[in-house]
Amino acid sequence: MSNSNYVPVRAMAIVAHPDDIEFGCAGTVARWVQQGCKVAYVLVTSGDVGIAKAGITRAEVAAIREAETLAAAKIVGVENVIFLREPDGMVENNLSLRKRLVREIRLFKPEVVLTDDPTLMFSPQGRINHPDHRAVGTAAVDAIFPAAGQPHFFEELAAEGIFAHKVRKVYIMSRGQGETFINISDTIELKLQALRAHVSQVGEMVELEKMLRERTAMLGAGKEMTHAEAFRVFMVETDETWTKLQAEQPQS
């Protein structure tokens, strides 16, 4: 178990849908931003089937949910938001998506990537994990290693001035499971405020807010944290190797 005070210089969250970040890691993002970290969001879909209402088109749903995402990101201090606009509910971990993610990783050059758990079929809360979450988590991990850091993967990107970049760590959001706990006691209100921005999904969210407060309090219990978020953390490169690689890589 690790109670992590580590703060990356740059971090990227790669997720399937609008509101995934707010549920999974917005408290951590807000904490890192307050401590000087630059953060980018990559939304693989725009949640275009996420409003079950007659008489509304998928394009209209996507526009609503993208606006909610931008509002939520602004609350925690994130301005760099990329929408890939893959079809909601039909995400596939294929070479096309992997290349799109590699492009974003190489452009932004994150030290850390936060993403969904590609192995999680059933959540600890007794729910079936959305197939888009699994597909995006797998695509993100495959893009991180080895593709983004190896110049001969998608080498045509170099012609656009987009060069290989190695990520240092991956933070896996696994629905409260993990061995690394981030103290979000000072940012729990920002997490909840950002989630409230997703009006089409959460409504008044009285019960949801209560549940999230209880869950983050449970994760923080016994760790001198009032509220916490949990992650499974994996090293892509050792600290020493990663630092050396950054100095050697071409700059786009």
Protein backbone atom coordinates (compact mmCIF):
# COMPACT_ATOMS: atom_id res chain seq x y z
CA MET A 1 0.00 0.00 0.00
CA SER A 2 1.29 3.45 -0.90
CA ASN A 3 0.00 6.83 0.24
CA SER A 4 1.45 8.75 -2.67
CA ASN A 5 2.63 12.36 -2.50
CA TYR A 6 4.17 12.06 -5.97
CA VAL A 7 3.07 14.77 -8.43
CA PRO A 8 3.94 14.41 -12.13
CA VAL A 9 4.98 17.35 -14.29
CA ARG A 10 2.48 16.40 -17.02
CA ALA A 11 -0.41 13.93 -16.89
CA MET A 12 -3.01 12.71 -19.37
CA ALA A 13 -6.31 11.01 -18.60
CA ILE A 14 -7.55 8.70 -21.37
CA VAL A 15 -11.12 7.53 -20.84
CA ALA A 16 -14.12 6.24 -22.77
CA HIS A 17 -16.91 8.66 -21.87
CA PRO A 18 -17.74 12.07 -20.47
CA ASP A 19 -18.00 11.79 -16.64
CA ASP A 20 -15.56 8.82 -16.42
CA ILE A 21 -12.82 11.16 -15.19
CA GLU A 22 -15.07 12.81 -12.63
CA PHE A 23 -16.08 9.46 -11.16
CA GLY A 24 -12.59 7.98 -11.30
CA CYS A 25 -9.84 10.52 -10.81
CA ALA A 26 -11.01 14.16 -10.78
CA GLY A 27 -9.97 14.61 -7.15
CA THR A 28 -6.45 13.49 -8.01
CA VAL A 29 -6.37 15.66 -11.13
CA ALA A 30 -7.47 18.70 -9.13
CA ARG A 31 -4.78 18.01 -6.50
CA TRP A 32 -2.07 17.65 -9.14
CA VAL A 33 -3.17 20.79 -11.01
CA GLN A 34 -3.04 22.78 -7.79
CA GLN A 35 0.55 21.59 -7.35
CA GLY A 36 1.63 22.69 -10.82
CA CYS A 37 0.95 19.62 -12.98
CA LYS A 38 -0.25 20.25 -16.54
CA VAL A 39 -3.10 17.89 -17.43
CA ALA A 40 -4.82 16.89 -20.66
CA TYR A 41 -8.01 14.88 -21.13
CA VAL A 42 -8.58 12.50 -24.05
CA LEU A 43 -12.22 11.40 -24.42
CA VAL A 44 -12.46 8.49 -26.84
CA THR A 45 -16.23 8.88 -27.27
CA SER A 46 -18.52 11.83 -26.64
CA GLY A 47 -21.13 9.68 -24.92
CA ASP A 48 -23.52 10.04 -27.84
CA VAL A 49 -25.87 7.27 -26.70
CA GLY A 50 -25.80 8.42 -23.10
CA ILE A 51 -29.13 10.26 -22.95
CA ALA A 52 -32.07 7.86 -23.21
CA LYS A 53 -34.62 10.40 -24.41
CA ALA A 54 -36.95 10.25 -27.39
CA GLY A 55 -36.62 12.91 -30.06
CA ILE A 56 -32.94 13.71 -29.54
CA THR A 57 -30.23 12.79 -32.04
CA ARG A 58 -26.87 11.28 -31.25
CA ALA A 59 -25.20 14.43 -32.56
CA GLU A 60 -27.26 16.54 -30.16
CA VAL A 61 -26.38 14.24 -27.27
CA ALA A 62 -22.69 14.44 -28.14
CA ALA A 63 -22.82 18.25 -28.21
CA ILE A 64 -24.48 18.34 -24.77
CA ARG A 65 -22.00 15.93 -23.24
CA GLU A 66 -18.95 17.60 -24.73
CA ALA A 67 -20.11 20.93 -23.29
CA GLU A 68 -20.56 19.26 -19.89
CA THR A 69 -17.07 17.77 -20.14
CA LEU A 70 -15.49 21.14 -20.91
CA ALA A 71 -17.33 22.70 -17.96
CA ALA A 72 -16.22 19.90 -15.63
CA ALA A 73 -12.62 20.13 -16.81
CA LYS A 74 -12.55 23.89 -16.21
CA ILE A 75 -13.66 23.39 -12.60
CA VAL A 76 -10.52 21.37 -11.79
CA GLY A 77 -8.25 23.59 -13.89
CA VAL A 78 -7.90 21.53 -17.08
CA GLU A 79 -8.11 23.38 -20.38
CA ASN A 80 -6.61 20.83 -22.79
CA VAL A 81 -9.49 18.49 -23.74
CA ILE A 82 -9.42 16.29 -26.85
CA PHE A 83 -12.49 14.49 -28.21
CA LEU A 84 -11.75 11.56 -30.55
CA ARG A 85 -15.49 11.05 -31.26
CA GLU A 86 -15.42 7.28 -31.66
CA PRO A 87 -18.96 5.80 -31.58
CA ASP A 88 -20.25 5.40 -28.03
CA GLY A 89 -20.78 1.78 -27.03
CA MET A 90 -18.84 0.43 -30.02
CA VAL A 91 -15.22 1.20 -29.16
CA GLU A 92 -12.72 -1.33 -30.48
CA ASN A 93 -9.09 -1.69 -29.52
CA ASN A 94 -7.73 -1.62 -33.05
CA LEU A 95 -4.68 -0.14 -34.76
CA SER A 96 -6.62 2.95 -35.83
CA LEU A 97 -7.53 3.87 -32.24
CA ARG A 98 -4.08 2.93 -30.98
CA LYS A 99 -2.48 5.29 -33.51
CA ARG A 100 -4.82 8.11 -32.50
CA LEU A 101 -3.86 7.64 -28.86
CA VAL A 102 -0.15 7.40 -29.72
CA ARG A 103 -0.47 10.71 -31.57
CA GLU A 104 -1.97 12.43 -28.51
CA ILE A 105 0.59 10.91 -26.15
CA ARG A 106 3.49 11.97 -28.35
CA LEU A 107 2.08 15.47 -28.78
CA PHE A 108 1.39 16.15 -25.09
CA LYS A 109 4.29 14.10 -23.66
CA PRO A 110 2.72 13.05 -20.35
CA GLU A 111 4.81 11.71 -17.52
CA VAL A 112 1.76 9.81 -16.24
CA VAL A 113 -1.31 8.43 -18.00
CA LEU A 114 -4.48 7.69 -16.04
CA THR A 115 -6.86 5.24 -17.70
CA ASP A 116 -9.45 2.52 -17.20
CA ASP A 117 -8.69 -1.02 -16.07
CA PRO A 118 -8.60 -3.25 -19.16
CA THR A 119 -8.98 -6.38 -17.01
CA LEU A 120 -12.07 -5.36 -15.03
CA MET A 121 -15.15 -7.27 -16.17
CA PHE A 122 -17.15 -6.99 -12.94
CA SER A 123 -16.79 -4.05 -10.55
CA PRO A 124 -16.39 -4.40 -6.76
CA GLN A 125 -19.79 -2.72 -6.52
CA GLY A 126 -21.42 -5.70 -8.23
CA ARG A 127 -21.87 -4.16 -11.68
CA ILE A 128 -20.80 -5.19 -15.17
CA ASN A 129 -18.04 -2.89 -16.39
CA HIS A 130 -18.88 -1.11 -19.65
CA PRO A 131 -17.18 -2.71 -22.69
CA ASP A 132 -15.95 0.73 -23.80
CA HIS A 133 -14.04 1.06 -20.52
CA ARG A 134 -12.28 -2.24 -21.13
CA ALA A 135 -11.56 -1.44 -24.79
CA VAL A 136 -10.20 2.02 -24.01
CA GLY A 137 -8.10 0.74 -21.13
CA THR A 138 -6.56 -1.91 -23.38
CA ALA A 139 -6.00 0.54 -26.26
CA ALA A 140 -4.41 3.07 -23.91
CA VAL A 141 -2.05 0.51 -22.37
CA ASP A 142 -1.11 -0.79 -25.82
CA ALA A 143 -0.51 2.78 -27.03
CA ILE A 144 1.66 3.57 -23.98
CA PHE A 145 3.79 0.44 -24.28
CA PRO A 146 5.43 -0.15 -26.54
CA ALA A 147 3.98 1.99 -29.33
CA ALA A 148 4.28 5.60 -28.12
CA GLY A 149 7.89 5.24 -27.03
CA GLN A 150 9.24 3.36 -30.03
CA PRO A 151 10.03 5.53 -33.09
CA HIS A 152 9.44 2.66 -35.54
CA PHE A 153 5.83 2.30 -34.44
CA PHE A 154 3.73 4.69 -36.53
CA GLU A 155 6.99 6.19 -37.78
CA GLU A 156 5.06 8.26 -40.32
CA LEU A 157 4.13 10.61 -37.47
CA ALA A 158 7.73 11.85 -37.42
CA ALA A 159 7.09 13.51 -40.79
CA GLU A 160 4.55 15.70 -38.93
CA GLY A 161 7.11 16.57 -36.25
CA ILE A 162 5.55 14.12 -33.80
CA PHE A 163 8.27 12.02 -32.17
CA ALA A 164 8.36 9.01 -29.86
CA HIS A 165 7.70 9.64 -26.18
CA LYS A 166 7.96 7.22 -23.28
CA VAL A 167 5.45 7.51 -20.45
CA ARG A 168 6.85 7.02 -16.94
CA LYS A 169 3.88 5.58 -15.02
CA VAL A 170 0.35 4.34 -15.67
CA TYR A 171 -2.38 4.93 -13.07
CA ILE A 172 -5.18 2.41 -13.54
CA MET A 173 -8.64 3.37 -12.31
CA SER A 174 -10.19 0.13 -11.08
CA ARG A 175 -13.36 1.21 -9.30
CA GLY A 176 -11.74 1.78 -5.92
CA GLN A 177 -9.31 -1.12 -6.10
CA GLY A 178 -5.59 -0.44 -5.90
CA GLU A 179 -2.51 -0.12 -3.74
CA THR A 180 -1.79 3.59 -4.26
CA PHE A 181 -4.04 6.09 -2.50
CA ILE A 182 -4.14 9.80 -3.35
CA ASN A 183 -5.30 12.18 -0.65
CA ILE A 184 -8.21 14.20 -2.09
CA SER A 185 -9.41 15.63 1.22
CA ASP A 186 -8.76 19.16 -0.07
CA THR A 187 -10.24 18.50 -3.52
CA ILE A 188 -13.29 16.31 -2.83
CA GLU A 189 -15.55 19.34 -3.27
CA LEU A 190 -13.98 20.11 -6.67
CA LYS A 191 -14.47 16.46 -7.68
CA LEU A 192 -18.16 16.65 -6.77
CA GLN A 193 -18.60 20.07 -8.37
CA ALA A 194 -17.06 18.76 -11.59
CA LEU A 195 -19.38 15.75 -11.52
CA ARG A 196 -22.37 18.07 -11.08
CA ALA A 197 -21.43 19.69 -14.39
CA HIS A 198 -22.64 16.48 -16.08
CA VAL A 199 -26.25 17.52 -15.62
CA SER A 200 -27.57 15.13 -18.27
CA GLN A 201 -26.19 12.19 -16.29
CA VAL A 202 -26.43 13.02 -12.60
CA GLY A 203 -29.39 15.38 -12.19
CA GLU A 204 -29.67 16.57 -8.60
CA MET A 205 -27.23 13.78 -7.54
CA VAL A 206 -28.11 13.89 -3.83
CA GLU A 207 -27.81 10.12 -3.36
CA LEU A 208 -24.86 9.90 -5.74
CA GLU A 209 -22.95 12.56 -3.81
CA LYS A 210 -23.62 10.75 -0.56
CA MET A 211 -22.35 7.50 -2.07
CA LEU A 212 -19.17 9.10 -3.42
CA ARG A 213 -18.41 10.81 -0.12
CA GLU A 214 -18.83 7.50 1.68
CA ARG A 215 -16.71 5.60 -0.85
CA THR A 216 -13.83 8.10 -0.86
CA ALA A 217 -13.98 8.28 2.95
CA MET A 218 -13.75 4.49 3.14
CA LEU A 219 -10.71 4.53 0.84
CA GLY A 220 -9.06 7.13 3.07
CA ALA A 221 -9.84 5.36 6.33
CA GLY A 222 -6.75 4.43 8.33
CA LYS A 223 -4.44 6.41 6.06
CA GLU A 224 -4.73 9.87 7.64
CA MET A 225 -6.95 10.92 4.72
CA THR A 226 -10.52 12.12 5.02
CA HIS A 227 -11.10 11.24 1.37
CA ALA A 228 -8.97 9.30 -1.11
CA GLU A 229 -8.92 7.90 -4.63
CA ALA A 230 -7.27 4.53 -5.32
CA PHE A 231 -5.18 3.39 -8.28
CA ARG A 232 -3.17 0.42 -9.47
CA VAL A 233 0.15 1.99 -10.52
CA PHE A 234 2.60 0.46 -12.97
CA MET A 235 6.04 1.69 -13.99
CA VAL A 236 6.66 1.88 -17.73
CA GLU A 237 10.26 3.00 -17.26
CA THR A 238 12.43 3.25 -14.16
CA ASP A 239 12.89 6.78 -12.89
CA GLU A 240 16.54 6.94 -13.90
CA THR A 241 15.93 5.54 -17.39
CA TRP A 242 12.92 7.78 -17.99
CA THR A 243 14.83 10.94 -17.06
CA LYS A 244 17.68 9.97 -19.39
CA LEU A 245 15.28 9.22 -22.24
CA GLN A 246 13.60 12.63 -21.97
CA ALA A 247 16.92 14.36 -22.38
CA GLU A 248 17.75 12.30 -25.48
CA GLN A 249 14.44 12.44 -27.37
CA PRO A 250 13.77 14.92 -30.19
CA GLN A 251 11.42 17.74 -29.27
CA SER A 252 8.34 18.27 -31.41
